[in-house]
PDB file of N, CA and C in Angstrom:
ATOM      1  N   UNK A   1     -15.178  -0.272   7.074  1.00  0.00           N
ATOM      2  CA  UNK A   1     -13.849   0.091   6.663  1.00  0.00           C
ATOM      3  C   UNK A   1     -13.267  -1.052   5.837  1.00  0.00           C
ATOM      4  N   UNK A   2     -12.497  -0.683   4.831  1.00  0.00           N
ATOM      5  CA  UNK A   2     -11.851  -1.704   4.022  1.00  0.00           C
ATOM      6  C   UNK A   2     -10.339  -1.533   4.081  1.00  0.00           C
ATOM      7  N   UNK A   3      -9.636  -2.611   3.748  1.00  0.00           N
ATOM      8  CA  UNK A   3      -8.180  -2.615   3.696  1.00  0.00           C
ATOM      9  C   UNK A   3      -7.772  -2.695   2.237  1.00  0.00           C
ATOM     10  N   UNK A   4      -6.889  -1.790   1.836  1.00  0.00           N
ATOM     11  CA  UNK A   4      -6.403  -1.769   0.467  1.00  0.00           C
ATOM     12  C   UNK A   4      -4.928  -1.390   0.493  1.00  0.00           C
ATOM     13  N   UNK A   5      -4.076  -2.309   0.091  1.00  0.00           N
ATOM     14  CA  UNK A   5      -2.646  -2.036   0.051  1.00  0.00           C
ATOM     15  C   UNK A   5      -2.295  -1.389  -1.282  1.00  0.00           C
ATOM     16  N   UNK A   6      -1.389  -0.404  -1.245  1.00  0.00           N
ATOM     17  CA  UNK A   6      -1.043   0.333  -2.454  1.00  0.00           C
ATOM     18  C   UNK A   6       0.463   0.283  -2.687  1.00  0.00           C
ATOM     19  N   UNK A   7       0.856   0.518  -3.935  1.00  0.00           N
ATOM     20  CA  UNK A   7       2.253   0.519  -4.343  1.00  0.00           C
ATOM     21  C   UNK A   7       2.546   1.829  -5.046  1.00  0.00           C
ATOM     22  N   UNK A   8       3.588   2.508  -4.586  1.00  0.00           N
ATOM     23  CA  UNK A   8       3.942   3.834  -5.076  1.00  0.00           C
ATOM     24  C   UNK A   8       5.359   3.773  -5.623  1.00  0.00           C
ATOM     25  N   UNK A   9       5.562   4.262  -6.842  1.00  0.00           N
ATOM     26  CA  UNK A   9       6.896   4.313  -7.425  1.00  0.00           C
ATOM     27  C   UNK A   9       7.565   5.621  -7.031  1.00  0.00           C
ATOM     28  N   UNK A  10       8.708   5.513  -6.371  1.00  0.00           N
ATOM     29  CA  UNK A  10       9.468   6.674  -5.936  1.00  0.00           C
ATOM     30  C   UNK A  10       9.807   7.550  -7.144  1.00  0.00           C
ATOM     31  N   UNK A  11       9.582   8.847  -7.038  1.00  0.00           N
ATOM     32  CA  UNK A  11       9.890   9.786  -8.111  1.00  0.00           C
ATOM     33  C   UNK A  11       8.835   9.897  -9.190  1.00  0.00           C
ATOM     34  N   UNK A  12       7.721   9.198  -9.018  1.00  0.00           N
ATOM     35  CA  UNK A  12       6.633   9.232 -10.001  1.00  0.00           C
ATOM     36  C   UNK A  12       5.380   9.810  -9.368  1.00  0.00           C
ATOM     37  N   UNK A  13       4.501  10.345 -10.215  1.00  0.00           N
ATOM     38  CA  UNK A  13       3.186  10.756  -9.742  1.00  0.00           C
ATOM     39  C   UNK A  13       2.389   9.508  -9.399  1.00  0.00           C
ATOM     40  N   UNK A  14       1.589   9.596  -8.344  1.00  0.00           N
ATOM     41  CA  UNK A  14       0.760   8.468  -7.900  1.00  0.00           C
ATOM     42  C   UNK A  14      -0.672   8.931  -7.745  1.00  0.00           C
ATOM     43  N   UNK A  15      -1.599   8.165  -8.300  1.00  0.00           N
ATOM     44  CA  UNK A  15      -3.029   8.404  -8.094  1.00  0.00           C
ATOM     45  C   UNK A  15      -3.742   7.058  -8.040  1.00  0.00           C
ATOM     46  N   UNK A  16      -4.674   6.944  -7.132  1.00  0.00           N
ATOM     47  CA  UNK A  16      -5.529   5.765  -7.111  1.00  0.00           C
ATOM     48  C   UNK A  16      -6.959   6.202  -6.804  1.00  0.00           C
ATOM     49  N   UNK A  17      -7.893   5.442  -7.322  1.00  0.00           N
ATOM     50  CA  UNK A  17      -9.313   5.710  -7.120  1.00  0.00           C
ATOM     51  C   UNK A  17      -9.868   4.698  -6.140  1.00  0.00           C
ATOM     52  N   UNK A  18     -10.645   5.177  -5.194  1.00  0.00           N
ATOM     53  CA  UNK A  18     -11.282   4.335  -4.186  1.00  0.00           C
ATOM     54  C   UNK A  18     -12.791   4.485  -4.305  1.00  0.00           C
ATOM     55  N   UNK A  19     -13.509   3.400  -4.102  1.00  0.00           N
ATOM     56  CA  UNK A  19     -14.967   3.419  -4.146  1.00  0.00           C
ATOM     57  C   UNK A  19     -15.486   3.085  -2.755  1.00  0.00           C
ATOM     58  N   UNK A  20     -16.247   4.001  -2.185  1.00  0.00           N
ATOM     59  CA  UNK A  20     -16.744   3.857  -0.819  1.00  0.00           C
ATOM     60  C   UNK A  20     -18.213   3.448  -0.862  1.00  0.00           C
ATOM     61  N   UNK A  21     -18.532   2.371  -0.139  1.00  0.00           N
ATOM     62  CA  UNK A  21     -19.908   1.868  -0.086  1.00  0.00           C
ATOM     63  C   UNK A  21     -20.495   2.061   1.302  1.00  0.00           C
ATOM     64  N   UNK A  22     -21.828   2.110   1.359  1.00  0.00           N
ATOM     65  CA  UNK A  22     -22.504   2.200   2.650  1.00  0.00           C
ATOM     66  C   UNK A  22     -22.650   0.803   3.242  1.00  0.00           C
ATOM     67  N   UNK A  23     -23.337   0.683   4.368  1.00  0.00           N
ATOM     68  CA  UNK A  23     -23.467  -0.602   5.066  1.00  0.00           C
ATOM     69  C   UNK A  23     -24.264  -1.635   4.268  1.00  0.00           C
ATOM     70  N   UNK A  24     -25.040  -1.192   3.272  1.00  0.00           N
ATOM     71  CA  UNK A  24     -25.790  -2.110   2.414  1.00  0.00           C
ATOM     72  C   UNK A  24     -25.003  -2.509   1.170  1.00  0.00           C
ATOM     73  N   UNK A  25     -23.770  -2.016   1.056  1.00  0.00           N
ATOM     74  CA  UNK A  25     -22.948  -2.340  -0.104  1.00  0.00           C
ATOM     75  C   UNK A  25     -23.208  -1.459  -1.315  1.00  0.00           C
ATOM     76  N   UNK A  26     -24.018  -0.419  -1.134  1.00  0.00           N
ATOM     77  CA  UNK A  26     -24.319   0.505  -2.229  1.00  0.00           C
ATOM     78  C   UNK A  26     -23.354   1.686  -2.176  1.00  0.00           C
ATOM     79  N   UNK A  27     -23.101   2.345  -3.298  1.00  0.00           N
ATOM     80  CA  UNK A  27     -22.209   3.508  -3.275  1.00  0.00           C
ATOM     81  C   UNK A  27     -22.704   4.555  -2.278  1.00  0.00           C
ATOM     82  N   UNK A  28     -21.792   5.053  -1.460  1.00  0.00           N
ATOM     83  CA  UNK A  28     -22.131   6.055  -0.459  1.00  0.00           C
ATOM     84  C   UNK A  28     -22.317   7.408  -1.129  1.00  0.00           C
ATOM     85  N   UNK A  29     -23.408   8.078  -0.826  1.00  0.00           N
ATOM     86  CA  UNK A  29     -23.649   9.428  -1.329  1.00  0.00           C
ATOM     87  C   UNK A  29     -22.754  10.375  -0.529  1.00  0.00           C
ATOM     88  N   UNK A  30     -21.800  10.994  -1.201  1.00  0.00           N
ATOM     89  CA  UNK A  30     -20.799  11.823  -0.535  1.00  0.00           C
ATOM     90  C   UNK A  30     -21.142  13.316  -0.525  1.00  0.00           C
ATOM     91  N   UNK A  31     -22.396  13.640  -0.787  1.00  0.00           N
ATOM     92  CA  UNK A  31     -22.825  15.035  -0.742  1.00  0.00           C
ATOM     93  C   UNK A  31     -22.548  15.607   0.647  1.00  0.00           C
ATOM     94  N   UNK A  32     -21.863  16.731   0.704  1.00  0.00           N
ATOM     95  CA  UNK A  32     -21.521  17.460   1.931  1.00  0.00           C
ATOM     96  C   UNK A  32     -20.457  16.749   2.773  1.00  0.00           C
ATOM     97  N   UNK A  33     -19.791  15.741   2.240  1.00  0.00           N
ATOM     98  CA  UNK A  33     -18.681  15.087   2.926  1.00  0.00           C
ATOM     99  C   UNK A  33     -17.380  15.775   2.536  1.00  0.00           C
ATOM    100  N   UNK A  34     -16.363  15.588   3.354  1.00  0.00           N
ATOM    101  CA  UNK A  34     -15.002  15.971   2.984  1.00  0.00           C
ATOM    102  C   UNK A  34     -14.108  14.757   3.209  1.00  0.00           C
ATOM    103  N   UNK A  35     -12.947  14.766   2.575  1.00  0.00           N
ATOM    104  CA  UNK A  35     -12.045  13.619   2.656  1.00  0.00           C
ATOM    105  C   UNK A  35     -10.620  14.099   2.920  1.00  0.00           C
ATOM    106  N   UNK A  36      -9.891  13.315   3.703  1.00  0.00           N
ATOM    107  CA  UNK A  36      -8.475  13.577   3.946  1.00  0.00           C
ATOM    108  C   UNK A  36      -7.753  12.244   4.059  1.00  0.00           C
ATOM    109  N   UNK A  37      -6.465  12.243   3.718  1.00  0.00           N
ATOM    110  CA  UNK A  37      -5.680  11.014   3.782  1.00  0.00           C
ATOM    111  C   UNK A  37      -4.223  11.361   4.056  1.00  0.00           C
ATOM    112  N   UNK A  38      -3.562  10.484   4.810  1.00  0.00           N
ATOM    113  CA  UNK A  38      -2.153  10.678   5.136  1.00  0.00           C
ATOM    114  C   UNK A  38      -1.404   9.365   5.013  1.00  0.00           C
ATOM    115  N   UNK A  39      -0.099   9.483   4.785  1.00  0.00           N
ATOM    116  CA  UNK A  39       0.797   8.340   4.762  1.00  0.00           C
ATOM    117  C   UNK A  39       1.929   8.628   5.741  1.00  0.00           C
ATOM    118  N   UNK A  40       2.292   7.597   6.534  1.00  0.00           N
ATOM    119  CA  UNK A  40       3.355   7.713   7.537  1.00  0.00           C
ATOM    120  C   UNK A  40       4.209   6.450   7.487  1.00  0.00           C
ATOM    121  N   UNK A  41       5.435   6.567   7.967  1.00  0.00           N
ATOM    122  CA  UNK A  41       6.324   5.397   8.004  1.00  0.00           C
ATOM    123  C   UNK A  41       5.779   4.337   8.957  1.00  0.00           C
ATOM    124  N   UNK A  42       5.283   4.766  10.115  1.00  0.00           N
ATOM    125  CA  UNK A  42       4.649   3.851  11.070  1.00  0.00           C
ATOM    126  C   UNK A  42       3.417   4.553  11.635  1.00  0.00           C
ATOM    127  N   UNK A  43       2.592   3.797  12.323  1.00  0.00           N
ATOM    128  CA  UNK A  43       1.389   4.382  12.918  1.00  0.00           C
ATOM    129  C   UNK A  43       1.711   5.481  13.920  1.00  0.00           C
ATOM    130  N   UNK A  44       2.867   5.391  14.578  1.00  0.00           N
ATOM    131  CA  UNK A  44       3.216   6.356  15.615  1.00  0.00           C
ATOM    132  C   UNK A  44       4.155   7.457  15.128  1.00  0.00           C
ATOM    133  N   UNK A  45       4.516   7.450  13.850  1.00  0.00           N
ATOM    134  CA  UNK A  45       5.400   8.492  13.309  1.00  0.00           C
ATOM    135  C   UNK A  45       4.748   9.864  13.429  1.00  0.00           C
ATOM    136  N   UNK A  46       5.544  10.847  13.787  1.00  0.00           N
ATOM    137  CA  UNK A  46       5.025  12.218  13.843  1.00  0.00           C
ATOM    138  C   UNK A  46       5.128  12.892  12.477  1.00  0.00           C
ATOM    139  N   UNK A  47       6.027  12.412  11.622  1.00  0.00           N
ATOM    140  CA  UNK A  47       6.149  12.959  10.266  1.00  0.00           C
ATOM    141  C   UNK A  47       5.191  12.221   9.339  1.00  0.00           C
ATOM    142  N   UNK A  48       4.568  12.972   8.433  1.00  0.00           N
ATOM    143  CA  UNK A  48       3.616  12.378   7.508  1.00  0.00           C
ATOM    144  C   UNK A  48       3.572  13.203   6.236  1.00  0.00           C
ATOM    145  N   UNK A  49       2.957  12.623   5.227  1.00  0.00           N
ATOM    146  CA  UNK A  49       2.710  13.322   3.971  1.00  0.00           C
ATOM    147  C   UNK A  49       1.206  13.279   3.732  1.00  0.00           C
ATOM    148  N   UNK A  50       0.637  14.440   3.437  1.00  0.00           N
ATOM    149  CA  UNK A  50      -0.782  14.501   3.098  1.00  0.00           C
ATOM    150  C   UNK A  50      -0.967  14.123   1.639  1.00  0.00           C
ATOM    151  N   UNK A  51      -1.878  13.205   1.375  1.00  0.00           N
ATOM    152  CA  UNK A  51      -2.309  12.948   0.013  1.00  0.00           C
ATOM    153  C   UNK A  51      -3.162  14.127  -0.440  1.00  0.00           C
ATOM    154  N   UNK A  52      -3.157  14.423  -1.720  1.00  0.00           N
ATOM    155  CA  UNK A  52      -4.182  15.287  -2.276  1.00  0.00           C
ATOM    156  C   UNK A  52      -5.403  14.391  -2.417  1.00  0.00           C
ATOM    157  N   UNK A  53      -6.470  14.722  -1.723  1.00  0.00           N
ATOM    158  CA  UNK A  53      -7.657  13.872  -1.660  1.00  0.00           C
ATOM    159  C   UNK A  53      -8.844  14.632  -2.223  1.00  0.00           C
ATOM    160  N   UNK A  54      -9.619  13.951  -3.066  1.00  0.00           N
ATOM    161  CA  UNK A  54     -10.794  14.628  -3.611  1.00  0.00           C
ATOM    162  C   UNK A  54     -11.928  13.648  -3.861  1.00  0.00           C
ATOM    163  N   UNK A  55     -13.120  14.179  -3.754  1.00  0.00           N
ATOM    164  CA  UNK A  55     -14.315  13.415  -4.081  1.00  0.00           C
ATOM    165  C   UNK A  55     -14.567  13.631  -5.565  1.00  0.00           C
ATOM    166  N   UNK A  56     -14.567  12.546  -6.316  1.00  0.00           N
ATOM    167  CA  UNK A  56     -14.717  12.622  -7.767  1.00  0.00           C
ATOM    168  C   UNK A  56     -16.181  12.647  -8.174  1.00  0.00           C
ATOM    169  N   UNK A  57     -16.982  11.825  -7.514  1.00  0.00           N
ATOM    170  CA  UNK A  57     -18.397  11.719  -7.853  1.00  0.00           C
ATOM    171  C   UNK A  57     -19.207  11.622  -6.565  1.00  0.00           C
ATOM    172  N   UNK A  58     -20.085  12.567  -6.344  1.00  0.00           N
ATOM    173  CA  UNK A  58     -20.866  12.594  -5.104  1.00  0.00           C
ATOM    174  C   UNK A  58     -21.765  11.379  -4.947  1.00  0.00           C
ATOM    175  N   UNK A  59     -22.370  10.929  -6.031  1.00  0.00           N
ATOM    176  CA  UNK A  59     -23.365   9.858  -5.901  1.00  0.00           C
ATOM    177  C   UNK A  59     -22.806   8.446  -6.115  1.00  0.00           C
ATOM    178  N   UNK A  60     -21.550   8.314  -6.541  1.00  0.00           N
ATOM    179  CA  UNK A  60     -20.999   6.978  -6.763  1.00  0.00           C
ATOM    180  C   UNK A  60     -19.975   6.580  -5.710  1.00  0.00           C
ATOM    181  N   UNK A  61     -19.754   7.414  -4.697  1.00  0.00           N
ATOM    182  CA  UNK A  61     -18.804   7.091  -3.643  1.00  0.00           C
ATOM    183  C   UNK A  61     -17.363   7.050  -4.113  1.00  0.00           C
ATOM    184  N   UNK A  62     -17.047   7.766  -5.171  1.00  0.00           N
ATOM    185  CA  UNK A  62     -15.724   7.705  -5.782  1.00  0.00           C
ATOM    186  C   UNK A  62     -14.813   8.817  -5.255  1.00  0.00           C
ATOM    187  N   UNK A  63     -13.632   8.389  -4.764  1.00  0.00           N
ATOM    188  CA  UNK A  63     -12.627   9.279  -4.189  1.00  0.00           C
ATOM    189  C   UNK A  63     -11.291   9.003  -4.873  1.00  0.00           C
ATOM    190  N   UNK A  64     -10.468  10.036  -5.046  1.00  0.00           N
ATOM    191  CA  UNK A  64      -9.089   9.804  -5.480  1.00  0.00           C
ATOM    192  C   UNK A  64      -8.142  10.352  -4.423  1.00  0.00           C
ATOM    193  N   UNK A  65      -7.007   9.659  -4.292  1.00  0.00           N
ATOM    194  CA  UNK A  65      -5.908  10.161  -3.482  1.00  0.00           C
ATOM    195  C   UNK A  65      -4.683  10.164  -4.381  1.00  0.00           C
ATOM    196  N   UNK A  66      -3.851  11.185  -4.217  1.00  0.00           N
ATOM    197  CA  UNK A  66      -2.678  11.257  -5.082  1.00  0.00           C
ATOM    198  C   UNK A  66      -1.510  11.931  -4.380  1.00  0.00           C
ATOM    199  N   UNK A  67      -0.312  11.648  -4.916  1.00  0.00           N
ATOM    200  CA  UNK A  67       0.931  12.265  -4.484  1.00  0.00           C
ATOM    201  C   UNK A  67       1.662  12.738  -5.725  1.00  0.00           C
ATOM    202  N   UNK A  68       2.347  13.856  -5.630  1.00  0.00           N
ATOM    203  CA  UNK A  68       3.123  14.355  -6.765  1.00  0.00           C
ATOM    204  C   UNK A  68       4.468  13.633  -6.838  1.00  0.00           C
ATOM    205  N   UNK A  69       5.114  13.750  -7.978  1.00  0.00           N
ATOM    206  CA  UNK A  69       6.440  13.128  -8.119  1.00  0.00           C
ATOM    207  C   UNK A  69       7.442  13.764  -7.159  1.00  0.00           C
ATOM    208  N   UNK A  70       7.258  15.013  -6.811  1.00  0.00           N
ATOM    209  CA  UNK A  70       8.146  15.661  -5.837  1.00  0.00           C
ATOM    210  C   UNK A  70       7.965  15.026  -4.465  1.00  0.00           C
ATOM    211  N   UNK A  71       6.702  14.788  -4.086  1.00  0.00           N
ATOM    212  CA  UNK A  71       6.444  14.144  -2.794  1.00  0.00           C
ATOM    213  C   UNK A  71       7.039  12.744  -2.740  1.00  0.00           C
ATOM    214  N   UNK A  72       6.831  11.951  -3.801  1.00  0.00           N
ATOM    215  CA  UNK A  72       7.331  10.569  -3.771  1.00  0.00           C
ATOM    216  C   UNK A  72       8.855  10.522  -3.877  1.00  0.00           C
ATOM    217  N   UNK A  73       9.460  11.530  -4.530  1.00  0.00           N
ATOM    218  CA  UNK A  73      10.934  11.595  -4.596  1.00  0.00           C
ATOM    219  C   UNK A  73      11.536  11.786  -3.214  1.00  0.00           C
ATOM    220  N   UNK A  74      10.830  12.484  -2.346  1.00  0.00           N
ATOM    221  CA  UNK A  74      11.329  12.765  -1.003  1.00  0.00           C
ATOM    222  C   UNK A  74      11.055  11.645  -0.008  1.00  0.00           C
ATOM    223  N   UNK A  75      10.372  10.598  -0.439  1.00  0.00           N
ATOM    224  CA  UNK A  75      10.060   9.479   0.448  1.00  0.00           C
ATOM    225  C   UNK A  75      11.132   8.400   0.303  1.00  0.00           C
ATOM    226  N   UNK A  76      11.565   7.849   1.421  1.00  0.00           N
ATOM    227  CA  UNK A  76      12.522   6.749   1.416  1.00  0.00           C
ATOM    228  C   UNK A  76      11.765   5.484   1.017  1.00  0.00           C
ATOM    229  N   UNK A  77      12.375   4.673   0.169  1.00  0.00           N
ATOM    230  CA  UNK A  77      11.691   3.441  -0.238  1.00  0.00           C
ATOM    231  C   UNK A  77      11.462   2.541   0.971  1.00  0.00           C
ATOM    232  N   UNK A  78      10.399   1.754   0.897  1.00  0.00           N
ATOM    233  CA  UNK A  78      10.065   0.844   1.990  1.00  0.00           C
ATOM    234  C   UNK A  78       8.581   0.818   2.264  1.00  0.00           C
ATOM    235  N   UNK A  79       8.237   0.273   3.421  1.00  0.00           N
ATOM    236  CA  UNK A  79       6.842   0.098   3.802  1.00  0.00           C
ATOM    237  C   UNK A  79       6.365   1.272   4.637  1.00  0.00           C
ATOM    238  N   UNK A  80       5.145   1.697   4.364  1.00  0.00           N
ATOM    239  CA  UNK A  80       4.470   2.775   5.081  1.00  0.00           C
ATOM    240  C   UNK A  80       3.061   2.295   5.440  1.00  0.00           C
ATOM    241  N   UNK A  81       2.339   3.115   6.177  1.00  0.00           N
ATOM    242  CA  UNK A  81       0.920   2.884   6.436  1.00  0.00           C
ATOM    243  C   UNK A  81       0.165   4.149   6.025  1.00  0.00           C
ATOM    244  N   UNK A  82      -1.087   3.967   5.641  1.00  0.00           N
ATOM    245  CA  UNK A  82      -1.905   5.122   5.249  1.00  0.00           C
ATOM    246  C   UNK A  82      -3.343   4.855   5.633  1.00  0.00           C
ATOM    247  N   UNK A  83      -4.123   5.928   5.660  1.00  0.00           N
ATOM    248  CA  UNK A  83      -5.566   5.776   5.803  1.00  0.00           C
ATOM    249  C   UNK A  83      -6.283   6.939   5.146  1.00  0.00           C
ATOM    250  N   UNK A  84      -7.575   6.737   4.958  1.00  0.00           N
ATOM    251  CA  UNK A  84      -8.452   7.728   4.342  1.00  0.00           C
ATOM    252  C   UNK A  84      -9.617   7.939   5.301  1.00  0.00           C
ATOM    253  N   UNK A  85      -9.891   9.213   5.630  1.00  0.00           N
ATOM    254  CA  UNK A  85     -10.938   9.549   6.593  1.00  0.00           C
ATOM    255  C   UNK A  85     -11.960  10.459   5.923  1.00  0.00           C
ATOM    256  N   UNK A  86     -13.225  10.083   6.072  1.00  0.00           N
ATOM    257  CA  UNK A  86     -14.327  10.924   5.598  1.00  0.00           C
ATOM    258  C   UNK A  86     -14.912  11.682   6.788  1.00  0.00           C
ATOM    259  N   UNK A  87     -15.294  12.932   6.547  1.00  0.00           N
ATOM    260  CA  UNK A  87     -16.025  13.705   7.545  1.00  0.00           C
ATOM    261  C   UNK A  87     -17.416  13.953   6.982  1.00  0.00           C
ATOM    262  N   UNK A  88     -18.435  13.491   7.730  1.00  0.00           N
ATOM    263  CA  UNK A  88     -19.814  13.612   7.237  1.00  0.00           C
ATOM    264  C   UNK A  88     -20.372  15.016   7.519  1.00  0.00           C
ATOM    265  N   UNK A  89     -21.574  15.296   7.039  1.00  0.00           N
ATOM    266  CA  UNK A  89     -22.147  16.640   7.215  1.00  0.00           C
ATOM    267  C   UNK A  89     -22.319  17.079   8.670  1.00  0.00           C
ATOM    268  N   UNK A  90     -22.320  16.129   9.610  1.00  0.00           N
ATOM    269  CA  UNK A  90     -22.458  16.486  11.026  1.00  0.00           C
ATOM    270  C   UNK A  90     -21.097  16.514  11.737  1.00  0.00           C
ATOM    271  N   UNK A  91     -20.006  16.483  10.963  1.00  0.00           N
ATOM    272  CA  UNK A  91     -18.620  16.537  11.459  1.00  0.00           C
ATOM    273  C   UNK A  91     -18.130  15.254  12.111  1.00  0.00           C
ATOM    274  N   UNK A  92     -18.824  14.148  11.885  1.00  0.00           N
ATOM    275  CA  UNK A  92     -18.364  12.852  12.382  1.00  0.00           C
ATOM    276  C   UNK A  92     -17.319  12.310  11.411  1.00  0.00           C
ATOM    277  N   UNK A  93     -16.158  11.929  11.959  1.00  0.00           N
ATOM    278  CA  UNK A  93     -15.070  11.396  11.144  1.00  0.00           C
ATOM    279  C   UNK A  93     -15.091   9.875  11.188  1.00  0.00           C
ATOM    280  N   UNK A  94     -14.910   9.255  10.001  1.00  0.00           N
ATOM    281  CA  UNK A  94     -14.895   7.801   9.895  1.00  0.00           C
ATOM    282  C   UNK A  94     -13.744   7.373   9.001  1.00  0.00           C
ATOM    283  N   UNK A  95     -12.919   6.453   9.499  1.00  0.00           N
ATOM    284  CA  UNK A  95     -11.867   5.883   8.662  1.00  0.00           C
ATOM    285  C   UNK A  95     -12.521   4.874   7.723  1.00  0.00           C
ATOM    286  N   UNK A  96     -12.399   5.098   6.422  1.00  0.00           N
ATOM    287  CA  UNK A  96     -13.075   4.250   5.451  1.00  0.00           C
ATOM    288  C   UNK A  96     -12.135   3.300   4.723  1.00  0.00           C
ATOM    289  N   UNK A  97     -10.867   3.635   4.666  1.00  0.00           N
ATOM    290  CA  UNK A  97      -9.866   2.772   4.024  1.00  0.00           C
ATOM    291  C   UNK A  97      -8.566   2.915   4.794  1.00  0.00           C
ATOM    292  N   UNK A  98      -7.852   1.801   4.930  1.00  0.00           N
ATOM    293  CA  UNK A  98      -6.511   1.814   5.504  1.00  0.00           C
ATOM    294  C   UNK A  98      -5.717   0.696   4.879  1.00  0.00           C
ATOM    295  N   UNK A  99      -4.417   0.767   5.021  1.00  0.00           N
ATOM    296  CA  UNK A  99      -3.593  -0.303   4.499  1.00  0.00           C
ATOM    297  C   UNK A  99      -2.123   0.037   4.544  1.00  0.00           C
ATOM    298  N   UNK A 100      -1.347  -0.853   3.965  1.00  0.00           N
ATOM    299  CA  UNK A 100       0.075  -0.581   3.858  1.00  0.00           C
ATOM    300  C   UNK A 100       0.350   0.021   2.486  1.00  0.00           C
ATOM    301  N   UNK A 101       1.413   0.794   2.433  1.00  0.00           N
ATOM    302  CA  UNK A 101       1.848   1.406   1.179  1.00  0.00           C
ATOM    303  C   UNK A 101       3.316   1.052   1.011  1.00  0.00           C
ATOM    304  N   UNK A 102       3.647   0.484  -0.114  1.00  0.00           N
ATOM    305  CA  UNK A 102       5.028   0.162  -0.412  1.00  0.00           C
ATOM    306  C   UNK A 102       5.561   1.181  -1.404  1.00  0.00           C
ATOM    307  N   UNK A 103       6.639   1.879  -1.022  1.00  0.00           N
ATOM    308  CA  UNK A 103       7.290   2.821  -1.923  1.00  0.00           C
ATOM    309  C   UNK A 103       8.451   2.076  -2.574  1.00  0.00           C
ATOM    310  N   UNK A 104       8.319   1.846  -3.871  1.00  0.00           N
ATOM    311  CA  UNK A 104       9.355   1.133  -4.629  1.00  0.00           C
ATOM    312  C   UNK A 104      10.459   2.098  -5.034  1.00  0.00           C
ATOM    313  N   UNK A 105      11.729   1.701  -4.846  1.00  0.00           N
ATOM    314  CA  UNK A 105      12.818   2.616  -5.184  1.00  0.00           C
ATOM    315  C   UNK A 105      12.876   2.905  -6.665  1.00  0.00           C
ATOM    316  N   UNK A 106      13.308   4.133  -6.985  1.00  0.00           N
ATOM    317  CA  UNK A 106      13.442   4.536  -8.382  1.00  0.00           C
ATOM    318  C   UNK A 106      14.892   4.483  -8.816  1.00  0.00           C
ATOM    319  N   UNK A 107      15.116   4.415 -10.108  1.00  0.00           N
ATOM    320  CA  UNK A 107      16.460   4.412 -10.677  1.00  0.00           C
ATOM    321  C   UNK A 107      16.775   5.758 -11.305  1.00  0.00           C
ATOM    322  N   UNK A 108      15.816   6.282 -12.076  1.00  0.00           N
ATOM    323  CA  UNK A 108      16.018   7.543 -12.770  1.00  0.00           C
ATOM    324  C   UNK A 108      15.773   8.707 -11.827  1.00  0.00           C
ATOM    325  N   UNK A 109      16.742   9.603 -11.719  1.00  0.00           N
ATOM    326  CA  UNK A 109      16.620  10.757 -10.813  1.00  0.00           C
ATOM    327  C   UNK A 109      16.674  12.005 -11.626  1.00  0.00           C
TER     328      UNK A 109
END
């Protein structure tokens, strides 16, 4: 698992690309995997926002997570936490990335 902190501008579309490696440091083959990601104000918050998560390249371990400008407009500026979970072909779930997310306040509404 890796730690990657992200910065999101309130009221803007957000997308970031993540590269997932196997235990040997090589790109993980994501064939037959699925991905999901969420952002919450705290680890124990019951409210959350789902990222749109997709596997971009099966053989290069490339994943994108994104939020629409509508989603980020509805988020209060400040610090959040997020993670990304892969589900392998045998239904085993593994957290592959986690970190803090800072939502920067917007001026233009």
